[in-house]
Amino acid sequence: MTISYHDFNTLFNAAATEQDKFRFIAEWSSSSIFFPEGEDSPDIDAAELSDALSNIWDVAHMSTRDIRQHLGLTQSAFAERFCIPRRTVENWEYRGGRVPPYNILALADITGMLKVKRV
């Protein structure tokens, strides 16, 4: 599924603040983002839409550990691959360091974990 950067930003920020994945999917699956008022109803596959919203929510709730483990990398290998100091990766994973959502989004995007295409 492909959506605009603006609409993706709206969805990503909403997903980051919604703790219930199924509520997020239910609320946004009938959004004017996908079904604009006054326009003919677009041909949107319900399963594809649900999968896209699920993926956005998953990415918004990922940690660096989730991404690292998905890639099968050690902390050292992850740090080296992305030019991040190893101590920073350790801090993110063990010491409760706050990783900005845009960093998680960038890492998920370049590793292929984000499936939604943006234009």
PDB file of N, CA and C in Angstrom:
ATOM      1  N   MET A   1       0.844  -1.168   0.000  1.00  0.00           N
ATOM      2  CA  MET A   1       0.000   0.000   0.000  1.00  0.00           C
ATOM      3  C   MET A   1       0.890   1.232   0.000  1.00  0.00           C
ATOM      4  N   THR A   2       0.480   2.254  -0.741  1.00  0.00           N
ATOM      5  CA  THR A   2       1.222   3.492  -0.838  1.00  0.00           C
ATOM      6  C   THR A   2       0.354   4.640  -0.351  1.00  0.00           C
ATOM      7  N   ILE A   3       0.917   5.479   0.522  1.00  0.00           N
ATOM      8  CA  ILE A   3       0.204   6.658   0.996  1.00  0.00           C
ATOM      9  C   ILE A   3       1.156   7.851   0.978  1.00  0.00           C
ATOM     10  N   SER A   4       0.592   9.033   1.084  1.00  0.00           N
ATOM     11  CA  SER A   4       1.419  10.238   1.064  1.00  0.00           C
ATOM     12  C   SER A   4       2.233  10.348   2.355  1.00  0.00           C
ATOM     13  N   TYR A   5       3.321  11.084   2.276  1.00  0.00           N
ATOM     14  CA  TYR A   5       4.145  11.312   3.464  1.00  0.00           C
ATOM     15  C   TYR A   5       3.329  12.012   4.553  1.00  0.00           C
ATOM     16  N   HIS A   6       2.494  12.957   4.144  1.00  0.00           N
ATOM     17  CA  HIS A   6       1.670  13.690   5.109  1.00  0.00           C
ATOM     18  C   HIS A   6       0.721  12.741   5.844  1.00  0.00           C
ATOM     19  N   ASP A   7       0.032  11.901   5.090  1.00  0.00           N
ATOM     20  CA  ASP A   7      -0.902  10.953   5.709  1.00  0.00           C
ATOM     21  C   ASP A   7      -0.159   9.934   6.566  1.00  0.00           C
ATOM     22  N   PHE A   8       1.002   9.495   6.094  1.00  0.00           N
ATOM     23  CA  PHE A   8       1.793   8.562   6.890  1.00  0.00           C
ATOM     24  C   PHE A   8       2.182   9.200   8.220  1.00  0.00           C
ATOM     25  N   ASN A   9       2.611  10.450   8.188  1.00  0.00           N
ATOM     26  CA  ASN A   9       2.983  11.160   9.407  1.00  0.00           C
ATOM     27  C   ASN A   9       1.813  11.201  10.390  1.00  0.00           C
ATOM     28  N   THR A  10       0.627  11.486   9.877  1.00  0.00           N
ATOM     29  CA  THR A  10      -0.575  11.504  10.719  1.00  0.00           C
ATOM     30  C   THR A  10      -0.799  10.139  11.361  1.00  0.00           C
ATOM     31  N   LEU A  11      -0.716   9.088  10.554  1.00  0.00           N
ATOM     32  CA  LEU A  11      -0.956   7.734  11.048  1.00  0.00           C
ATOM     33  C   LEU A  11       0.132   7.291  12.030  1.00  0.00           C
ATOM     34  N   PHE A  12       1.393   7.584  11.715  1.00  0.00           N
ATOM     35  CA  PHE A  12       2.492   7.172  12.581  1.00  0.00           C
ATOM     36  C   PHE A  12       2.387   7.839  13.949  1.00  0.00           C
ATOM     37  N   ASN A  13       2.102   9.132  13.965  1.00  0.00           N
ATOM     38  CA  ASN A  13       1.961   9.834  15.240  1.00  0.00           C
ATOM     39  C   ASN A  13       0.762   9.326  16.037  1.00  0.00           C
ATOM     40  N   ALA A  14      -0.334   9.018  15.359  1.00  0.00           N
ATOM     41  CA  ALA A  14      -1.506   8.459  16.047  1.00  0.00           C
ATOM     42  C   ALA A  14      -1.186   7.074  16.598  1.00  0.00           C
ATOM     43  N   ALA A  15      -0.470   6.276  15.832  1.00  0.00           N
ATOM     44  CA  ALA A  15      -0.110   4.923  16.279  1.00  0.00           C
ATOM     45  C   ALA A  15       0.799   4.976  17.495  1.00  0.00           C
ATOM     46  N   ALA A  16       1.720   5.929  17.510  1.00  0.00           N
ATOM     47  CA  ALA A  16       2.669   6.035  18.618  1.00  0.00           C
ATOM     48  C   ALA A  16       1.975   6.356  19.936  1.00  0.00           C
ATOM     49  N   THR A  17       0.840   7.033  19.874  1.00  0.00           N
ATOM     50  CA  THR A  17       0.142   7.410  21.107  1.00  0.00           C
ATOM     51  C   THR A  17      -0.974   6.443  21.482  1.00  0.00           C
ATOM     52  N   GLU A  18      -1.339   5.552  20.580  1.00  0.00           N
ATOM     53  CA  GLU A  18      -2.404   4.581  20.864  1.00  0.00           C
ATOM     54  C   GLU A  18      -1.795   3.272  21.350  1.00  0.00           C
ATOM     55  N   GLN A  19      -2.131   2.878  22.545  1.00  0.00           N
ATOM     56  CA  GLN A  19      -1.572   1.649  23.119  1.00  0.00           C
ATOM     57  C   GLN A  19      -2.265   0.385  22.630  1.00  0.00           C
ATOM     58  N   ASP A  20      -3.485   0.514  22.159  1.00  0.00           N
ATOM     59  CA  ASP A  20      -4.258  -0.649  21.711  1.00  0.00           C
ATOM     60  C   ASP A  20      -4.195  -0.750  20.183  1.00  0.00           C
ATOM     61  N   LYS A  21      -3.479  -1.739  19.702  1.00  0.00           N
ATOM     62  CA  LYS A  21      -3.281  -1.917  18.263  1.00  0.00           C
ATOM     63  C   LYS A  21      -4.606  -2.081  17.521  1.00  0.00           C
ATOM     64  N   PHE A  22      -5.518  -2.873  18.075  1.00  0.00           N
ATOM     65  CA  PHE A  22      -6.770  -3.155  17.370  1.00  0.00           C
ATOM     66  C   PHE A  22      -7.691  -1.940  17.350  1.00  0.00           C
ATOM     67  N   ARG A  23      -7.630  -1.117  18.384  1.00  0.00           N
ATOM     68  CA  ARG A  23      -8.397   0.130  18.387  1.00  0.00           C
ATOM     69  C   ARG A  23      -7.851   1.066  17.312  1.00  0.00           C
ATOM     70  N   PHE A  24      -6.518   1.149  17.222  1.00  0.00           N
ATOM     71  CA  PHE A  24      -5.902   1.982  16.188  1.00  0.00           C
ATOM     72  C   PHE A  24      -6.360   1.544  14.803  1.00  0.00           C
ATOM     73  N   ILE A  25      -6.292   0.258  14.527  1.00  0.00           N
ATOM     74  CA  ILE A  25      -6.697  -0.252  13.210  1.00  0.00           C
ATOM     75  C   ILE A  25      -8.168   0.041  12.949  1.00  0.00           C
ATOM     76  N   ALA A  26      -9.019  -0.212  13.948  1.00  0.00           N
ATOM     77  CA  ALA A  26     -10.456   0.020  13.777  1.00  0.00           C
ATOM     78  C   ALA A  26     -10.762   1.494  13.523  1.00  0.00           C
ATOM     79  N   GLU A  27     -10.109   2.371  14.274  1.00  0.00           N
ATOM     80  CA  GLU A  27     -10.388   3.802  14.131  1.00  0.00           C
ATOM     81  C   GLU A  27      -9.913   4.368  12.802  1.00  0.00           C
ATOM     82  N   TRP A  28      -8.755   3.932  12.340  1.00  0.00           N
ATOM     83  CA  TRP A  28      -8.185   4.529  11.139  1.00  0.00           C
ATOM     84  C   TRP A  28      -8.572   3.818   9.850  1.00  0.00           C
ATOM     85  N   SER A  29      -9.133   2.623   9.923  1.00  0.00           N
ATOM     86  CA  SER A  29      -9.476   1.891   8.691  1.00  0.00           C
ATOM     87  C   SER A  29     -10.654   2.510   7.946  1.00  0.00           C
ATOM     88  N   SER A  30     -11.376   3.397   8.599  1.00  0.00           N
ATOM     89  CA  SER A  30     -12.473   4.086   7.905  1.00  0.00           C
ATOM     90  C   SER A  30     -12.179   5.580   7.759  1.00  0.00           C
ATOM     91  N   SER A  31     -10.932   5.947   7.904  1.00  0.00           N
ATOM     92  CA  SER A  31     -10.510   7.348   7.876  1.00  0.00           C
ATOM     93  C   SER A  31     -10.684   7.980   6.497  1.00  0.00           C
ATOM     94  N   SER A  32     -10.834   9.291   6.519  1.00  0.00           N
ATOM     95  CA  SER A  32     -10.915  10.035   5.255  1.00  0.00           C
ATOM     96  C   SER A  32      -9.590   9.987   4.494  1.00  0.00           C
ATOM     97  N   ILE A  33      -8.532   9.549   5.158  1.00  0.00           N
ATOM     98  CA  ILE A  33      -7.263   9.332   4.450  1.00  0.00           C
ATOM     99  C   ILE A  33      -7.475   8.313   3.333  1.00  0.00           C
ATOM    100  N   PHE A  34      -8.244   7.302   3.620  1.00  0.00           N
ATOM    101  CA  PHE A  34      -8.469   6.226   2.653  1.00  0.00           C
ATOM    102  C   PHE A  34      -9.803   6.353   1.925  1.00  0.00           C
ATOM    103  N   PHE A  35     -10.752   7.034   2.554  1.00  0.00           N
ATOM    104  CA  PHE A  35     -12.095   7.185   1.992  1.00  0.00           C
ATOM    105  C   PHE A  35     -12.511   8.659   2.049  1.00  0.00           C
ATOM    106  N   PRO A  36     -11.951   9.488   1.160  1.00  0.00           N
ATOM    107  CA  PRO A  36     -12.251  10.924   1.184  1.00  0.00           C
ATOM    108  C   PRO A  36     -13.743  11.195   0.965  1.00  0.00           C
ATOM    109  N   GLU A  37     -14.260  12.141   1.734  1.00  0.00           N
ATOM    110  CA  GLU A  37     -15.671  12.503   1.611  1.00  0.00           C
ATOM    111  C   GLU A  37     -15.926  13.143   0.256  1.00  0.00           C
ATOM    112  N   GLY A  38     -17.050  12.819  -0.319  1.00  0.00           N
ATOM    113  CA  GLY A  38     -17.436  13.410  -1.589  1.00  0.00           C
ATOM    114  C   GLY A  38     -16.783  12.791  -2.803  1.00  0.00           C
ATOM    115  N   GLU A  39     -15.943  11.821  -2.607  1.00  0.00           N
ATOM    116  CA  GLU A  39     -15.296  11.147  -3.736  1.00  0.00           C
ATOM    117  C   GLU A  39     -15.852   9.739  -3.869  1.00  0.00           C
ATOM    118  N   ASP A  40     -15.715   9.197  -5.079  1.00  0.00           N
ATOM    119  CA  ASP A  40     -16.122   7.810  -5.273  1.00  0.00           C
ATOM    120  C   ASP A  40     -15.316   6.930  -4.341  1.00  0.00           C
ATOM    121  N   SER A  41     -15.942   5.888  -3.866  1.00  0.00           N
ATOM    122  CA  SER A  41     -15.275   4.972  -2.949  1.00  0.00           C
ATOM    123  C   SER A  41     -14.131   4.263  -3.681  1.00  0.00           C
ATOM    124  N   PRO A  42     -12.916   4.441  -3.200  1.00  0.00           N
ATOM    125  CA  PRO A  42     -11.777   3.807  -3.877  1.00  0.00           C
ATOM    126  C   PRO A  42     -11.785   2.286  -3.673  1.00  0.00           C
ATOM    127  N   ASP A  43     -11.132   1.604  -4.586  1.00  0.00           N
ATOM    128  CA  ASP A  43     -10.987   0.157  -4.453  1.00  0.00           C
ATOM    129  C   ASP A  43      -9.840  -0.143  -3.511  1.00  0.00           C
ATOM    130  N   ILE A  44     -10.154  -0.293  -2.238  1.00  0.00           N
ATOM    131  CA  ILE A  44      -9.138  -0.608  -1.245  1.00  0.00           C
ATOM    132  C   ILE A  44      -9.445  -1.969  -0.667  1.00  0.00           C
ATOM    133  N   ASP A  45      -8.454  -2.837  -0.727  1.00  0.00           N
ATOM    134  CA  ASP A  45      -8.598  -4.170  -0.156  1.00  0.00           C
ATOM    135  C   ASP A  45      -8.542  -4.059   1.364  1.00  0.00           C
ATOM    136  N   ALA A  46      -9.582  -4.509   2.049  1.00  0.00           N
ATOM    137  CA  ALA A  46      -9.676  -4.381   3.507  1.00  0.00           C
ATOM    138  C   ALA A  46      -8.516  -5.076   4.215  1.00  0.00           C
ATOM    139  N   ALA A  47      -8.118  -6.236   3.724  1.00  0.00           N
ATOM    140  CA  ALA A  47      -7.008  -6.963   4.349  1.00  0.00           C
ATOM    141  C   ALA A  47      -5.696  -6.208   4.160  1.00  0.00           C
ATOM    142  N   GLU A  48      -5.486  -5.635   2.975  1.00  0.00           N
ATOM    143  CA  GLU A  48      -4.268  -4.865   2.719  1.00  0.00           C
ATOM    144  C   GLU A  48      -4.227  -3.616   3.607  1.00  0.00           C
ATOM    145  N   LEU A  49      -5.372  -2.959   3.761  1.00  0.00           N
ATOM    146  CA  LEU A  49      -5.445  -1.781   4.614  1.00  0.00           C
ATOM    147  C   LEU A  49      -5.159  -2.149   6.066  1.00  0.00           C
ATOM    148  N   SER A  50      -5.742  -3.228   6.527  1.00  0.00           N
ATOM    149  CA  SER A  50      -5.511  -3.690   7.901  1.00  0.00           C
ATOM    150  C   SER A  50      -4.038  -4.042   8.111  1.00  0.00           C
ATOM    151  N   ASP A  51      -3.441  -4.711   7.138  1.00  0.00           N
ATOM    152  CA  ASP A  51      -2.015  -5.067   7.229  1.00  0.00           C
ATOM    153  C   ASP A  51      -1.138  -3.810   7.272  1.00  0.00           C
ATOM    154  N   ALA A  52      -1.464  -2.812   6.468  1.00  0.00           N
ATOM    155  CA  ALA A  52      -0.682  -1.577   6.440  1.00  0.00           C
ATOM    156  C   ALA A  52      -0.783  -0.845   7.779  1.00  0.00           C
ATOM    157  N   LEU A  53      -1.987  -0.735   8.310  1.00  0.00           N
ATOM    158  CA  LEU A  53      -2.168  -0.068   9.601  1.00  0.00           C
ATOM    159  C   LEU A  53      -1.485  -0.847  10.721  1.00  0.00           C
ATOM    160  N   SER A  54      -1.555  -2.159  10.646  1.00  0.00           N
ATOM    161  CA  SER A  54      -0.881  -3.006  11.634  1.00  0.00           C
ATOM    162  C   SER A  54       0.623  -2.780  11.588  1.00  0.00           C
ATOM    163  N   ASN A  55       1.178  -2.706  10.380  1.00  0.00           N
ATOM    164  CA  ASN A  55       2.615  -2.477  10.223  1.00  0.00           C
ATOM    165  C   ASN A  55       3.025  -1.115  10.766  1.00  0.00           C
ATOM    166  N   ILE A  56       2.227  -0.096  10.501  1.00  0.00           N
ATOM    167  CA  ILE A  56       2.535   1.243  11.021  1.00  0.00           C
ATOM    168  C   ILE A  56       2.525   1.221  12.549  1.00  0.00           C
ATOM    169  N   TRP A  57       1.529   0.581  13.145  1.00  0.00           N
ATOM    170  CA  TRP A  57       1.457   0.511  14.613  1.00  0.00           C
ATOM    171  C   TRP A  57       2.655  -0.263  15.159  1.00  0.00           C
ATOM    172  N   ASP A  58       2.973  -1.385  14.526  1.00  0.00           N
ATOM    173  CA  ASP A  58       4.112  -2.186  14.989  1.00  0.00           C
ATOM    174  C   ASP A  58       5.400  -1.369  14.985  1.00  0.00           C
ATOM    175  N   VAL A  59       5.657  -0.659  13.907  1.00  0.00           N
ATOM    176  CA  VAL A  59       6.877   0.138  13.805  1.00  0.00           C
ATOM    177  C   VAL A  59       6.873   1.254  14.851  1.00  0.00           C
ATOM    178  N   ALA A  60       5.732   1.877  15.060  1.00  0.00           N
ATOM    179  CA  ALA A  60       5.643   2.967  16.043  1.00  0.00           C
ATOM    180  C   ALA A  60       5.921   2.476  17.462  1.00  0.00           C
ATOM    181  N   HIS A  61       5.779   1.174  17.689  1.00  0.00           N
ATOM    182  CA  HIS A  61       5.982   0.619  19.028  1.00  0.00           C
ATOM    183  C   HIS A  61       7.231  -0.254  19.128  1.00  0.00           C
ATOM    184  N   MET A  62       8.086  -0.211  18.115  1.00  0.00           N
ATOM    185  CA  MET A  62       9.310  -1.006  18.139  1.00  0.00           C
ATOM    186  C   MET A  62      10.378  -0.359  19.004  1.00  0.00           C
ATOM    187  N   SER A  63      11.272  -1.194  19.440  1.00  0.00           N
ATOM    188  CA  SER A  63      12.466  -0.714  20.127  1.00  0.00           C
ATOM    189  C   SER A  63      13.666  -1.035  19.242  1.00  0.00           C
ATOM    190  N   THR A  64      14.800  -0.459  19.578  1.00  0.00           N
ATOM    191  CA  THR A  64      16.003  -0.811  18.827  1.00  0.00           C
ATOM    192  C   THR A  64      16.328  -2.286  19.021  1.00  0.00           C
ATOM    193  N   ARG A  65      16.031  -2.815  20.196  1.00  0.00           N
ATOM    194  CA  ARG A  65      16.261  -4.240  20.437  1.00  0.00           C
ATOM    195  C   ARG A  65      15.427  -5.080  19.466  1.00  0.00           C
ATOM    196  N   ASP A  66      14.161  -4.702  19.242  1.00  0.00           N
ATOM    197  CA  ASP A  66      13.309  -5.431  18.290  1.00  0.00           C
ATOM    198  C   ASP A  66      13.945  -5.449  16.906  1.00  0.00           C
ATOM    199  N   ILE A  67      14.416  -4.302  16.476  1.00  0.00           N
ATOM    200  CA  ILE A  67      15.026  -4.198  15.144  1.00  0.00           C
ATOM    201  C   ILE A  67      16.318  -5.011  15.091  1.00  0.00           C
ATOM    202  N   ARG A  68      17.140  -4.868  16.113  1.00  0.00           N
ATOM    203  CA  ARG A  68      18.417  -5.594  16.155  1.00  0.00           C
ATOM    204  C   ARG A  68      18.184  -7.100  16.130  1.00  0.00           C
ATOM    205  N   GLN A  69      17.238  -7.566  16.936  1.00  0.00           N
ATOM    206  CA  GLN A  69      16.964  -9.002  16.984  1.00  0.00           C
ATOM    207  C   GLN A  69      16.370  -9.498  15.668  1.00  0.00           C
ATOM    208  N   HIS A  70      15.524  -8.689  15.034  1.00  0.00           N
ATOM    209  CA  HIS A  70      14.967  -9.057  13.732  1.00  0.00           C
ATOM    210  C   HIS A  70      16.090  -9.272  12.712  1.00  0.00           C
ATOM    211  N   LEU A  71      17.128  -8.452  12.814  1.00  0.00           N
ATOM    212  CA  LEU A  71      18.267  -8.560  11.897  1.00  0.00           C
ATOM    213  C   LEU A  71      19.238  -9.662  12.300  1.00  0.00           C
ATOM    214  N   GLY A  72      19.064 -10.191  13.512  1.00  0.00           N
ATOM    215  CA  GLY A  72      19.953 -11.241  13.990  1.00  0.00           C
ATOM    216  C   GLY A  72      21.347 -10.742  14.317  1.00  0.00           C
ATOM    217  N   LEU A  73      21.448  -9.500  14.769  1.00  0.00           N
ATOM    218  CA  LEU A  73      22.749  -8.908  15.052  1.00  0.00           C
ATOM    219  C   LEU A  73      22.991  -8.775  16.553  1.00  0.00           C
ATOM    220  N   THR A  74      24.244  -8.862  16.924  1.00  0.00           N
ATOM    221  CA  THR A  74      24.640  -8.534  18.284  1.00  0.00           C
ATOM    222  C   THR A  74      24.596  -7.014  18.420  1.00  0.00           C
ATOM    223  N   GLN A  75      24.699  -6.536  19.656  1.00  0.00           N
ATOM    224  CA  GLN A  75      24.748  -5.085  19.850  1.00  0.00           C
ATOM    225  C   GLN A  75      25.945  -4.476  19.117  1.00  0.00           C
ATOM    226  N   SER A  76      27.078  -5.146  19.202  1.00  0.00           N
ATOM    227  CA  SER A  76      28.283  -4.630  18.532  1.00  0.00           C
ATOM    228  C   SER A  76      28.106  -4.578  17.019  1.00  0.00           C
ATOM    229  N   ALA A  77      27.555  -5.630  16.451  1.00  0.00           N
ATOM    230  CA  ALA A  77      27.356  -5.674  15.000  1.00  0.00           C
ATOM    231  C   ALA A  77      26.324  -4.637  14.555  1.00  0.00           C
ATOM    232  N   PHE A  78      25.279  -4.472  15.349  1.00  0.00           N
ATOM    233  CA  PHE A  78      24.255  -3.468  15.060  1.00  0.00           C
ATOM    234  C   PHE A  78      24.878  -2.071  15.088  1.00  0.00           C
ATOM    235  N   ALA A  79      25.655  -1.808  16.131  1.00  0.00           N
ATOM    236  CA  ALA A  79      26.313  -0.505  16.269  1.00  0.00           C
ATOM    237  C   ALA A  79      27.231  -0.239  15.082  1.00  0.00           C
ATOM    238  N   GLU A  80      27.986  -1.241  14.691  1.00  0.00           N
ATOM    239  CA  GLU A  80      28.905  -1.071  13.564  1.00  0.00           C
ATOM    240  C   GLU A  80      28.151  -0.844  12.263  1.00  0.00           C
ATOM    241  N   ARG A  81      27.106  -1.623  12.032  1.00  0.00           N
ATOM    242  CA  ARG A  81      26.352  -1.517  10.779  1.00  0.00           C
ATOM    243  C   ARG A  81      25.748  -0.128  10.601  1.00  0.00           C
ATOM    244  N   PHE A  82      25.250   0.457  11.699  1.00  0.00           N
ATOM    245  CA  PHE A  82      24.564   1.741  11.590  1.00  0.00           C
ATOM    246  C   PHE A  82      25.384   2.927  12.099  1.00  0.00           C
ATOM    247  N   CYS A  83      26.679   2.690  12.377  1.00  0.00           N
ATOM    248  CA  CYS A  83      27.592   3.750  12.829  1.00  0.00           C
ATOM    249  C   CYS A  83      27.064   4.443  14.083  1.00  0.00           C
ATOM    250  N   ILE A  84      26.578   3.636  15.000  1.00  0.00           N
ATOM    251  CA  ILE A  84      26.081   4.122  16.284  1.00  0.00           C
ATOM    252  C   ILE A  84      27.074   3.644  17.349  1.00  0.00           C
ATOM    253  N   PRO A  85      27.493   4.511  18.251  1.00  0.00           N
ATOM    254  CA  PRO A  85      28.391   4.043  19.305  1.00  0.00           C
ATOM    255  C   PRO A  85      27.765   2.875  20.085  1.00  0.00           C
ATOM    256  N   ARG A  86      28.562   1.842  20.351  1.00  0.00           N
ATOM    257  CA  ARG A  86      28.063   0.661  21.061  1.00  0.00           C
ATOM    258  C   ARG A  86      27.439   1.035  22.396  1.00  0.00           C
ATOM    259  N   ARG A  87      28.047   1.962  23.090  1.00  0.00           N
ATOM    260  CA  ARG A  87      27.510   2.409  24.385  1.00  0.00           C
ATOM    261  C   ARG A  87      26.115   3.016  24.219  1.00  0.00           C
ATOM    262  N   THR A  88      25.880   3.677  23.115  1.00  0.00           N
ATOM    263  CA  THR A  88      24.559   4.247  22.850  1.00  0.00           C
ATOM    264  C   THR A  88      23.538   3.134  22.681  1.00  0.00           C
ATOM    265  N   VAL A  89      23.890   2.105  21.920  1.00  0.00           N
ATOM    266  CA  VAL A  89      22.991   0.960  21.745  1.00  0.00           C
ATOM    267  C   VAL A  89      22.717   0.308  23.098  1.00  0.00           C
ATOM    268  N   GLU A  90      23.745   0.130  23.895  1.00  0.00           N
ATOM    269  CA  GLU A  90      23.554  -0.433  25.238  1.00  0.00           C
ATOM    270  C   GLU A  90      22.623   0.439  26.064  1.00  0.00           C
ATOM    271  N   ASN A  91      22.813   1.726  25.997  1.00  0.00           N
ATOM    272  CA  ASN A  91      21.962   2.644  26.746  1.00  0.00           C
ATOM    273  C   ASN A  91      20.504   2.527  26.294  1.00  0.00           C
ATOM    274  N   TRP A  92      20.293   2.455  24.997  1.00  0.00           N
ATOM    275  CA  TRP A  92      18.938   2.320  24.477  1.00  0.00           C
ATOM    276  C   TRP A  92      18.285   1.035  24.981  1.00  0.00           C
ATOM    277  N   GLU A  93      19.050  -0.035  25.054  1.00  0.00           N
ATOM    278  CA  GLU A  93      18.471  -1.327  25.390  1.00  0.00           C
ATOM    279  C   GLU A  93      18.418  -1.629  26.880  1.00  0.00           C
ATOM    280  N   TYR A  94      19.408  -1.211  27.631  1.00  0.00           N
ATOM    281  CA  TYR A  94      19.493  -1.638  29.028  1.00  0.00           C
ATOM    282  C   TYR A  94      19.288  -0.544  30.058  1.00  0.00           C
ATOM    283  N   ARG A  95      19.525   0.661  29.681  1.00  0.00           N
ATOM    284  CA  ARG A  95      19.468   1.731  30.678  1.00  0.00           C
ATOM    285  C   ARG A  95      18.282   2.661  30.472  1.00  0.00           C
ATOM    286  N   GLY A  96      17.344   2.230  29.683  1.00  0.00           N
ATOM    287  CA  GLY A  96      16.130   3.016  29.489  1.00  0.00           C
ATOM    288  C   GLY A  96      16.322   4.292  28.695  1.00  0.00           C
ATOM    289  N   GLY A  97      17.371   4.317  27.881  1.00  0.00           N
ATOM    290  CA  GLY A  97      17.600   5.500  27.054  1.00  0.00           C
ATOM    291  C   GLY A  97      16.457   5.709  26.081  1.00  0.00           C
ATOM    292  N   ARG A  98      16.074   6.931  25.897  1.00  0.00           N
ATOM    293  CA  ARG A  98      14.960   7.268  25.011  1.00  0.00           C
ATOM    294  C   ARG A  98      15.470   7.393  23.582  1.00  0.00           C
ATOM    295  N   VAL A  99      14.902   6.622  22.696  1.00  0.00           N
ATOM    296  CA  VAL A  99      15.240   6.694  21.281  1.00  0.00           C
ATOM    297  C   VAL A  99      14.130   7.491  20.594  1.00  0.00           C
ATOM    298  N   PRO A 100      14.464   8.582  19.930  1.00  0.00           N
ATOM    299  CA  PRO A 100      13.430   9.353  19.251  1.00  0.00           C
ATOM    300  C   PRO A 100      12.688   8.487  18.225  1.00  0.00           C
ATOM    301  N   PRO A 101      11.366   8.653  18.138  1.00  0.00           N
ATOM    302  CA  PRO A 101      10.586   7.845  17.183  1.00  0.00           C
ATOM    303  C   PRO A 101      11.094   7.945  15.749  1.00  0.00           C
ATOM    304  N   TYR A 102      11.630   9.103  15.355  1.00  0.00           N
ATOM    305  CA  TYR A 102      12.119   9.226  13.984  1.00  0.00           C
ATOM    306  C   TYR A 102      13.338   8.350  13.740  1.00  0.00           C
ATOM    307  N   ASN A 103      14.122   8.059  14.792  1.00  0.00           N
ATOM    308  CA  ASN A 103      15.243   7.131  14.630  1.00  0.00           C
ATOM    309  C   ASN A 103      14.740   5.703  14.446  1.00  0.00           C
ATOM    310  N   ILE A 104      13.753   5.324  15.233  1.00  0.00           N
ATOM    311  CA  ILE A 104      13.157   3.993  15.079  1.00  0.00           C
ATOM    312  C   ILE A 104      12.565   3.853  13.680  1.00  0.00           C
ATOM    313  N   LEU A 105      11.838   4.877  13.240  1.00  0.00           N
ATOM    314  CA  LEU A 105      11.227   4.851  11.912  1.00  0.00           C
ATOM    315  C   LEU A 105      12.293   4.701  10.831  1.00  0.00           C
ATOM    316  N   ALA A 106      13.372   5.457  10.938  1.00  0.00           N
ATOM    317  CA  ALA A 106      14.446   5.376   9.933  1.00  0.00           C
ATOM    318  C   ALA A 106      15.084   3.992   9.920  1.00  0.00           C
ATOM    319  N   LEU A 107      15.359   3.446  11.106  1.00  0.00           N
ATOM    320  CA  LEU A 107      15.959   2.109  11.177  1.00  0.00           C
ATOM    321  C   LEU A 107      15.007   1.046  10.625  1.00  0.00           C
ATOM    322  N   ALA A 108      13.727   1.141  10.985  1.00  0.00           N
ATOM    323  CA  ALA A 108      12.743   0.171  10.484  1.00  0.00           C
ATOM    324  C   ALA A 108      12.609   0.282   8.966  1.00  0.00           C
ATOM    325  N   ASP A 109      12.680   1.499   8.456  1.00  0.00           N
ATOM    326  CA  ASP A 109      12.547   1.714   7.022  1.00  0.00           C
ATOM    327  C   ASP A 109      13.732   1.131   6.259  1.00  0.00           C
ATOM    328  N   ILE A 110      14.944   1.439   6.692  1.00  0.00           N
ATOM    329  CA  ILE A 110      16.105   0.976   5.926  1.00  0.00           C
ATOM    330  C   ILE A 110      16.366  -0.518   6.098  1.00  0.00           C
ATOM    331  N   THR A 111      15.787  -1.128   7.121  1.00  0.00           N
ATOM    332  CA  THR A 111      15.953  -2.570   7.287  1.00  0.00           C
ATOM    333  C   THR A 111      14.813  -3.365   6.648  1.00  0.00           C
ATOM    334  N   GLY A 112      13.848  -2.658   6.058  1.00  0.00           N
ATOM    335  CA  GLY A 112      12.744  -3.337   5.377  1.00  0.00           C
ATOM    336  C   GLY A 112      11.611  -3.762   6.270  1.00  0.00           C
ATOM    337  N   MET A 113      11.649  -3.356   7.532  1.00  0.00           N
ATOM    338  CA  MET A 113      10.582  -3.743   8.461  1.00  0.00           C
ATOM    339  C   MET A 113       9.323  -2.901   8.246  1.00  0.00           C
ATOM    340  N   LEU A 114       9.479  -1.708   7.687  1.00  0.00           N
ATOM    341  CA  LEU A 114       8.330  -0.865   7.356  1.00  0.00           C
ATOM    342  C   LEU A 114       7.894  -1.231   5.954  1.00  0.00           C
ATOM    343  N   LYS A 115       6.701  -1.752   5.828  1.00  0.00           N
ATOM    344  CA  LYS A 115       6.210  -2.236   4.531  1.00  0.00           C
ATOM    345  C   LYS A 115       5.415  -1.198   3.761  1.00  0.00           C
ATOM    346  N   VAL A 116       4.938  -0.160   4.430  1.00  0.00           N
ATOM    347  CA  VAL A 116       4.095   0.847   3.796  1.00  0.00           C
ATOM    348  C   VAL A 116       4.972   1.785   2.970  1.00  0.00           C
ATOM    349  N   LYS A 117       4.608   1.942   1.710  1.00  0.00           N
ATOM    350  CA  LYS A 117       5.350   2.839   0.825  1.00  0.00           C
ATOM    351  C   LYS A 117       4.757   4.244   0.932  1.00  0.00           C
ATOM    352  N   ARG A 118       5.648   5.249   0.832  1.00  0.00           N
ATOM    353  CA  ARG A 118       5.224   6.628   0.924  1.00  0.00           C
ATOM    354  C   ARG A 118       5.630   7.386  -0.327  1.00  0.00           C
ATOM    355  N   VAL A 119       4.759   8.309  -0.743  1.00  0.00           N
ATOM    356  CA  VAL A 119       5.045   9.143  -1.931  1.00  0.00           C
ATOM    357  C   VAL A 119       4.822  10.601  -1.603  1.00  0.00           C
TER     358      VAL A 119
END
